[in-house]
Amino acid sequence: MRTFRQQQHRPKKNTLIIGRDKVIAAMKEGKQLERIYLSQTIHGPEIEEVRALAAENQVPVNKVPVEKLNGFNISNHGGCVGVIAKVQYQDLQDTLSFIIESGDIPLLLMLDGITDVRNIGAIARTAYCCGVHAIIIPDKGIGALNEDAILTSAGALEQIAVCRVNSLMKAVDTLHLNGIKVFASEMTAETSIYNCDFREPAAIIMGGEEKGIYPALMKTSDISFRIPMTGNFESLNVSVATGMILYEIMKQRSL
């Protein structure tokens, strides 16, 4: 099934850090970046430093044609442009410790391969309304949490904790070490959502509409479940499915 992809708007100039020296300085100062664009043709020690700092700070790096950087209507970029993050990312373990110490039963969402920023925004909006403590995203392969995503979320992305990690599988290990059971939403699973006990500490993995959850990540989950459907249709929209799951969880936890 073909899916409509929202056109990605170029970032506003006031969100850009222009030039490799300024990008390096920003990361050393602890400024959070959404991503870094590097020209495909540039090399050298400073570029290696950019890459090393980006890896350390879990900032995605995109190698692009220089024409893309020129399309930002900026000059003197030297083949390197950083985009300031609109969302303040949180450390996963720090976030889990805070949730557990507060006495709440942890509830987290993990997003794998969801690229449409409208879906991400809608998911965040529902997650915030349903008491999700944090959303876990990878540093690559997910839509940018830009102004469009924040607008679609009605500001929820600025209210809910977002943890960006360099490996979702390592994040699952962290969840397990903190006593959190990991559930995976999969339309072909044998277990129905109605047979899952979500009253315990839980994290829900939601996959992208085109490829679903990465198979190796699926194997790390404790339980996979499906949302029962009538009729013969390929799948639910991921943001709609997430809403249905979260309301089932909220219902179980409120009884």
Protein backbone atom coordinates (compact mmCIF):
# COMPACT_ATOMS: atom_id res chain seq x y z
CA MET A 1 0.00 0.00 0.00
CA ARG A 2 1.32 3.44 -0.89
CA THR A 3 1.56 5.94 1.93
CA PHE A 4 1.54 9.68 1.58
CA ARG A 5 4.68 11.34 2.86
CA GLN A 6 4.51 14.89 4.06
CA GLN A 7 6.82 17.28 2.28
CA GLN A 8 9.70 18.19 4.56
CA HIS A 9 10.21 21.94 4.82
CA ARG A 10 13.70 23.33 5.06
CA PRO A 11 14.62 24.51 8.56
CA LYS A 12 14.34 28.18 9.40
CA LYS A 13 17.54 30.21 9.40
CA ASN A 14 17.27 30.99 13.10
CA THR A 15 17.52 27.27 13.87
CA LEU A 16 20.74 26.76 11.89
CA ILE A 17 24.33 26.66 13.13
CA ILE A 18 26.47 27.43 10.12
CA GLY A 19 30.01 26.16 9.65
CA ARG A 20 32.04 23.32 11.11
CA ASP A 21 33.73 25.44 13.82
CA LYS A 22 30.40 26.70 15.15
CA VAL A 23 28.86 23.23 15.02
CA ILE A 24 31.80 21.82 17.00
CA ALA A 25 31.59 24.65 19.53
CA ALA A 26 27.84 24.18 19.95
CA MET A 27 28.20 20.49 20.77
CA LYS A 28 31.08 21.14 23.17
CA GLU A 29 28.89 23.71 24.95
CA GLY A 30 26.15 21.10 25.35
CA LYS A 31 23.68 22.61 22.88
CA GLN A 32 21.27 19.94 21.64
CA LEU A 33 21.11 19.48 17.88
CA GLU A 34 18.38 17.78 15.89
CA ARG A 35 20.82 16.72 13.18
CA ILE A 36 23.93 17.73 11.25
CA TYR A 37 24.19 18.01 7.49
CA LEU A 38 27.60 17.38 5.92
CA SER A 39 28.47 17.84 2.28
CA GLN A 40 29.37 14.58 0.58
CA THR A 41 32.66 16.00 -0.64
CA ILE A 42 34.25 17.43 2.51
CA HIS A 43 36.90 15.65 4.58
CA GLY A 44 39.58 16.46 7.14
CA PRO A 45 40.31 16.50 10.87
CA GLU A 46 37.54 18.98 11.70
CA ILE A 47 34.96 16.81 9.96
CA GLU A 48 36.16 13.79 11.90
CA GLU A 49 35.76 15.83 15.09
CA VAL A 50 32.22 16.75 14.05
CA ARG A 51 31.45 13.06 13.53
CA ALA A 52 33.01 12.03 16.83
CA LEU A 53 31.12 14.67 18.82
CA ALA A 54 27.89 13.82 17.00
CA ALA A 55 28.28 10.14 17.91
CA GLU A 56 29.02 11.06 21.51
CA ASN A 57 25.92 13.26 21.68
CA GLN A 58 23.71 10.91 19.62
CA VAL A 59 23.13 13.50 16.90
CA PRO A 60 22.22 12.09 13.47
CA VAL A 61 24.62 13.04 10.65
CA ASN A 62 23.30 13.23 7.09
CA LYS A 63 25.72 13.30 4.15
CA VAL A 64 24.04 15.35 1.43
CA PRO A 65 24.89 17.02 -1.88
CA VAL A 66 26.19 20.54 -1.41
CA GLU A 67 23.13 21.75 -3.32
CA LYS A 68 20.97 20.83 -0.33
CA LEU A 69 23.05 23.03 1.96
CA ASN A 70 22.95 25.84 -0.61
CA GLY A 71 19.17 25.41 -0.63
CA PHE A 72 19.07 26.63 2.97
CA ASN A 73 19.82 30.10 1.53
CA ILE A 74 22.96 30.51 3.60
CA SER A 75 26.56 31.27 2.72
CA ASN A 76 29.93 30.31 4.15
CA HIS A 77 28.65 27.01 5.47
CA GLY A 78 31.84 25.22 4.47
CA GLY A 79 29.91 22.01 3.90
CA CYS A 80 28.61 21.71 7.47
CA VAL A 81 25.30 22.87 8.97
CA GLY A 82 23.70 21.96 12.29
CA VAL A 83 20.01 22.25 13.14
CA ILE A 84 19.13 23.26 16.71
CA ALA A 85 16.78 20.78 18.36
CA LYS A 86 13.25 21.98 19.06
CA VAL A 87 12.87 19.21 21.66
CA GLN A 88 15.13 18.79 24.69
CA TYR A 89 16.18 15.15 24.72
CA GLN A 90 16.49 13.29 28.01
CA ASP A 91 18.79 10.48 29.11
CA LEU A 92 16.87 7.19 29.20
CA GLN A 93 18.27 5.85 32.48
CA ASP A 94 17.84 9.21 34.23
CA THR A 95 14.25 9.32 33.02
CA LEU A 96 13.52 5.78 34.21
CA SER A 97 15.06 6.48 37.60
CA PHE A 98 12.91 9.59 37.99
CA ILE A 99 9.71 7.69 37.06
CA ILE A 100 10.45 4.81 39.42
CA GLU A 101 11.48 7.05 42.32
CA SER A 102 8.27 9.05 41.91
CA GLY A 103 6.26 5.90 42.61
CA ASP A 104 4.51 5.75 39.23
CA ILE A 105 4.12 2.54 37.22
CA PRO A 106 6.32 3.22 34.18
CA LEU A 107 4.70 3.44 30.76
CA LEU A 108 6.89 4.19 27.76
CA LEU A 109 6.55 4.22 23.98
CA MET A 110 9.32 3.19 21.60
CA LEU A 111 9.04 4.34 17.98
CA ASP A 112 10.86 2.33 15.32
CA GLY A 113 11.06 3.59 11.74
CA ILE A 114 8.18 6.07 11.90
CA THR A 115 9.14 8.78 9.43
CA ASP A 116 5.96 10.82 8.95
CA VAL A 117 6.20 13.75 11.34
CA ARG A 118 2.42 14.06 11.45
CA ASN A 119 2.15 10.54 12.82
CA ILE A 120 4.86 11.26 15.38
CA GLY A 121 3.07 14.42 16.45
CA ALA A 122 -0.28 12.66 16.74
CA ILE A 123 1.29 9.82 18.72
CA ALA A 124 2.92 12.27 21.13
CA ARG A 125 -0.37 14.11 21.65
CA THR A 126 -2.24 10.91 22.53
CA ALA A 127 0.68 9.63 24.61
CA TYR A 128 0.67 12.75 26.75
CA CYS A 129 -3.10 12.52 27.26
CA CYS A 130 -2.84 8.84 28.25
CA GLY A 131 -0.12 9.22 30.85
CA VAL A 132 2.90 7.93 28.91
CA HIS A 133 6.01 8.97 30.81
CA ALA A 134 8.46 9.04 27.91
CA ILE A 135 8.88 8.38 24.21
CA ILE A 136 12.02 6.56 23.07
CA ILE A 137 13.31 7.23 19.55
CA PRO A 138 16.44 6.18 17.65
CA ASP A 139 18.95 8.74 16.43
CA LYS A 140 18.45 7.54 12.84
CA GLY A 141 15.56 6.33 10.72
CA ILE A 142 12.85 8.47 12.28
CA GLY A 143 11.15 11.68 11.26
CA ALA A 144 12.65 14.89 12.57
CA LEU A 145 10.98 16.34 15.65
CA ASN A 146 10.68 19.70 13.95
CA GLU A 147 8.12 22.50 14.05
CA ASP A 148 5.67 20.45 11.98
CA ALA A 149 5.83 17.56 14.45
CA ILE A 150 5.42 19.91 17.42
CA LEU A 151 2.47 21.65 15.76
CA THR A 152 0.75 18.31 15.05
CA SER A 153 1.34 17.26 18.65
CA ALA A 154 -0.35 20.47 19.87
CA GLY A 155 2.78 21.12 21.92
CA ALA A 156 2.84 17.70 23.60
CA LEU A 157 6.36 17.04 22.30
CA GLU A 158 7.51 19.94 24.44
CA GLN A 159 5.77 18.50 27.52
CA ILE A 160 6.55 14.78 27.41
CA ALA A 161 10.04 13.35 27.95
CA VAL A 162 11.73 12.25 24.73
CA CYS A 163 14.77 9.96 24.98
CA ARG A 164 16.93 9.70 21.86
CA VAL A 165 19.20 6.64 21.81
CA ASN A 166 21.75 5.26 19.35
CA SER A 167 20.34 1.72 19.60
CA LEU A 168 16.77 0.68 20.31
CA MET A 169 17.95 -2.83 21.15
CA LYS A 170 20.29 -1.46 23.81
CA ALA A 171 17.37 0.64 25.04
CA VAL A 172 15.36 -2.56 25.46
CA ASP A 173 18.21 -3.95 27.58
CA THR A 174 18.00 -0.83 29.75
CA LEU A 175 14.24 -1.25 30.10
CA HIS A 176 14.64 -4.89 31.14
CA LEU A 177 17.30 -3.98 33.71
CA ASN A 178 14.78 -1.58 35.24
CA GLY A 179 12.07 -4.24 35.49
CA ILE A 180 10.01 -3.04 32.53
CA LYS A 181 8.28 -5.57 30.27
CA VAL A 182 8.49 -4.78 26.57
CA PHE A 183 5.44 -5.33 24.34
CA ALA A 184 5.54 -5.16 20.55
CA SER A 185 2.53 -4.27 18.41
CA GLU A 186 2.42 -6.67 15.44
CA MET A 187 -0.66 -7.26 13.27
CA THR A 188 0.18 -10.98 12.73
CA ALA A 189 0.79 -11.80 16.41
CA GLU A 190 -1.25 -14.61 17.96
CA THR A 191 -1.94 -12.82 21.26
CA SER A 192 -4.77 -10.30 21.30
CA ILE A 193 -4.28 -6.97 23.03
CA TYR A 194 -7.17 -7.93 25.31
CA ASN A 195 -5.10 -10.81 26.72
CA CYS A 196 -2.16 -8.61 27.71
CA ASP A 197 -1.68 -7.35 31.26
CA PHE A 198 -0.55 -3.73 31.00
CA ARG A 199 -0.93 -2.98 34.70
CA GLU A 200 2.73 -3.81 35.25
CA PRO A 201 5.65 -1.55 34.18
CA ALA A 202 5.47 -1.58 30.38
CA ALA A 203 7.00 -0.24 27.20
CA ILE A 204 5.23 -0.50 23.84
CA ILE A 205 7.13 -0.74 20.56
CA MET A 206 5.37 0.73 17.52
CA GLY A 207 6.83 0.18 14.06
CA GLY A 208 6.62 2.20 10.87
CA GLU A 209 3.71 1.59 8.51
CA GLU A 210 5.84 0.37 5.62
CA LYS A 211 8.25 -2.07 7.30
CA GLY A 212 6.87 -2.51 10.81
CA ILE A 213 9.21 -3.30 13.68
CA TYR A 214 12.77 -4.29 12.77
CA PRO A 215 12.93 -8.12 13.13
CA ALA A 216 15.93 -8.12 15.48
CA LEU A 217 14.18 -5.57 17.72
CA MET A 218 11.01 -7.64 17.66
CA LYS A 219 12.95 -10.62 19.03
CA THR A 220 14.03 -8.59 22.08
CA SER A 221 10.43 -7.93 23.12
CA ASP A 222 8.76 -10.04 25.78
CA ILE A 223 5.31 -10.24 24.19
CA SER A 224 3.96 -9.36 20.75
CA PHE A 225 0.26 -8.64 20.39
CA ARG A 226 -2.27 -7.63 17.77
CA ILE A 227 -5.28 -5.35 17.65
CA PRO A 228 -8.27 -7.44 16.45
CA MET A 229 -9.82 -6.15 13.24
CA THR A 230 -12.86 -7.12 11.18
CA GLY A 231 -12.71 -7.19 7.41
CA ASN A 232 -9.74 -7.73 5.15
CA PHE A 233 -7.53 -4.64 5.35
CA GLU A 234 -3.76 -4.32 5.46
CA SER A 235 -3.25 -2.40 8.69
CA LEU A 236 -4.27 0.51 10.87
CA ASN A 237 -2.58 3.89 10.71
CA VAL A 238 0.22 3.80 13.28
CA SER A 239 -0.96 6.86 15.20
CA VAL A 240 -4.52 5.48 15.35
CA ALA A 241 -3.24 2.07 16.46
CA THR A 242 -1.12 3.71 19.16
CA GLY A 243 -4.15 5.58 20.45
CA MET A 244 -6.19 2.37 20.66
CA ILE A 245 -3.40 0.61 22.53
CA LEU A 246 -2.87 3.44 24.99
CA TYR A 247 -6.56 3.71 25.81
CA GLU A 248 -6.67 -0.04 26.49
CA ILE A 249 -3.72 0.44 28.85
CA MET A 250 -5.36 3.40 30.52
CA LYS A 251 -8.57 1.42 30.95
CA GLN A 252 -6.73 -1.51 32.55
CA ARG A 253 -4.77 0.73 34.89
CA SER A 254 -7.84 2.67 36.00
CA LEU A 255 -9.93 -0.38 36.97
